Amino acid sequence: MKSNQASTRTCLIVHELMMKMIMAVIQTDDVVTISDALVTAGYRVTRLATTGGWLRRENTTLLIGVEDRQANHVLRVIQHTCHRRTVHINLPATMPGSHESETLGVEVGGAAVFVFDVERYEHY
């Protein structure tokens, strides 16, 4: 007796284009500006909430998959929308070498950008 199971058909699209995965770690304060700029330019952006850096502040990591020929344009958009700035933080008097509560200027912002070659891209 044969089983009457419905077969599942999966649509697999394998892209043979040369592609890059751009991963940009940015300050969460800049995420709306850069996301809007990238989407307006026609790119899809995936946002991941991350934390790190010396100040342990909230960051956002953006993942942008693009064709090889588009990578430099994405990098220019990131460069023009993420700017470094100085914030002032109060150091507690209990920190080593500190006699009183001090204010320290710390540079934040900008972007740490990584560009990876994509060996294979599949879309289901």
Protein backbone atom coordinates (compact mmCIF):
# COMPACT_ATOMS: atom_id res chain seq x y z
CA MET A 1 0.00 0.00 0.00
CA LYS A 2 1.46 3.33 -1.07
CA SER A 3 1.57 6.31 1.21
CA ASN A 4 -0.31 9.35 -0.03
CA GLN A 5 1.98 12.09 1.28
CA ALA A 6 1.94 15.53 -0.27
CA SER A 7 5.30 16.39 -1.69
CA THR A 8 6.86 19.61 -0.58
CA ARG A 9 8.46 21.70 -3.26
CA THR A 10 11.17 24.09 -2.23
CA CYS A 11 12.11 26.93 -4.50
CA LEU A 12 15.86 27.37 -4.44
CA ILE A 13 17.47 30.33 -6.10
CA VAL A 14 21.25 30.20 -6.15
CA HIS A 15 22.86 33.44 -7.17
CA GLU A 16 26.11 33.13 -9.10
CA LEU A 17 26.91 36.86 -8.86
CA MET A 18 30.00 38.06 -7.04
CA MET A 19 28.62 39.37 -3.76
CA LYS A 20 29.79 41.07 -0.59
CA MET A 21 28.43 41.05 2.93
CA ILE A 22 29.03 44.38 4.64
CA MET A 23 28.83 44.40 8.42
CA ALA A 24 28.85 47.84 10.02
CA VAL A 25 28.89 48.36 13.79
CA ILE A 26 27.50 51.82 14.54
CA GLN A 27 26.21 53.80 17.51
CA THR A 28 22.49 53.29 17.99
CA ASP A 29 22.10 57.09 17.92
CA ASP A 30 23.07 56.97 14.21
CA VAL A 31 20.95 53.99 13.14
CA VAL A 32 17.90 55.88 11.83
CA THR A 33 20.00 58.24 9.71
CA ILE A 34 22.14 55.54 8.13
CA SER A 35 19.29 53.05 7.66
CA ASP A 36 17.17 55.70 5.92
CA ALA A 37 20.10 56.67 3.68
CA LEU A 38 20.79 53.04 2.69
CA VAL A 39 17.12 52.17 2.07
CA THR A 40 16.65 55.38 0.05
CA ALA A 41 19.65 54.32 -2.05
CA GLY A 42 17.90 50.99 -2.74
CA TYR A 43 19.70 48.63 -0.34
CA ARG A 44 18.16 46.17 2.10
CA VAL A 45 19.44 46.42 5.65
CA THR A 46 19.18 43.99 8.55
CA ARG A 47 19.67 45.55 12.00
CA LEU A 48 20.95 43.64 15.03
CA ALA A 49 21.10 45.13 18.54
CA THR A 50 24.61 44.73 19.96
CA THR A 51 26.60 46.02 22.91
CA GLY A 52 30.28 46.67 23.21
CA GLY A 53 33.16 49.06 23.22
CA TRP A 54 34.89 50.69 26.09
CA LEU A 55 31.74 52.44 27.34
CA ARG A 56 29.61 49.29 27.00
CA ARG A 57 27.00 51.35 25.21
CA GLU A 58 24.30 49.99 22.95
CA ASN A 59 25.37 49.63 19.33
CA THR A 60 23.62 48.42 16.24
CA THR A 61 25.21 46.04 13.76
CA LEU A 62 23.97 46.42 10.20
CA LEU A 63 24.17 43.59 7.68
CA ILE A 64 23.99 44.64 4.04
CA GLY A 65 24.31 42.04 1.28
CA VAL A 66 25.16 43.58 -2.10
CA GLU A 67 26.58 42.76 -5.49
CA ASP A 68 30.32 43.27 -5.68
CA ARG A 69 29.95 46.37 -7.86
CA GLN A 70 27.70 48.06 -5.23
CA ALA A 71 30.03 47.66 -2.24
CA ASN A 72 31.95 50.92 -2.69
CA HIS A 73 28.73 52.92 -2.93
CA VAL A 74 27.45 51.39 0.32
CA LEU A 75 30.77 52.22 2.01
CA ARG A 76 30.50 55.85 0.84
CA VAL A 77 26.95 56.11 2.22
CA ILE A 78 28.15 54.77 5.58
CA GLN A 79 31.15 57.12 5.60
CA HIS A 80 28.99 60.18 4.88
CA THR A 81 26.31 59.38 7.47
CA CYS A 82 28.30 58.09 10.48
CA HIS A 83 30.34 60.78 12.18
CA ARG A 84 32.58 60.69 15.21
CA ARG A 85 31.80 63.02 18.10
CA THR A 86 33.01 63.61 21.63
CA VAL A 87 30.84 62.85 24.65
CA HIS A 88 31.74 63.70 28.22
CA ILE A 89 31.39 61.08 30.92
CA ASN A 90 31.84 61.43 34.65
CA LEU A 91 34.45 59.16 36.16
CA PRO A 92 33.69 58.04 39.70
CA ALA A 93 36.18 59.07 42.38
CA THR A 94 36.72 55.37 43.11
CA MET A 95 38.53 54.79 39.79
CA PRO A 96 42.28 54.14 40.18
CA GLY A 97 44.27 57.37 39.82
CA SER A 98 41.23 59.56 40.38
CA HIS A 99 41.08 61.78 43.46
CA GLU A 100 37.72 63.41 42.76
CA SER A 101 34.94 62.90 40.31
CA GLU A 102 36.40 63.87 36.92
CA THR A 103 34.93 64.44 33.50
CA LEU A 104 36.52 62.66 30.57
CA GLY A 105 35.94 63.41 26.88
CA VAL A 106 35.53 60.20 24.88
CA GLU A 107 35.25 59.93 21.10
CA VAL A 108 32.22 57.90 19.99
CA GLY A 109 30.34 57.34 16.77
CA GLY A 110 31.63 56.59 13.35
CA ALA A 111 31.49 53.02 12.14
CA ALA A 112 33.57 49.86 12.29
CA VAL A 113 32.98 48.25 8.90
CA PHE A 114 33.88 44.75 7.75
CA VAL A 115 33.50 43.57 4.15
CA PHE A 116 33.33 39.84 3.44
CA ASP A 117 33.27 37.92 0.17
CA VAL A 118 30.10 35.82 -0.12
CA GLU A 119 30.87 32.35 -1.40
CA ARG A 120 27.24 31.46 -2.01
CA TYR A 121 23.89 33.16 -1.63
CA GLU A 122 20.65 31.20 -1.57
CA HIS A 123 17.15 32.62 -1.33
CA TYR A 124 14.25 30.34 -0.38
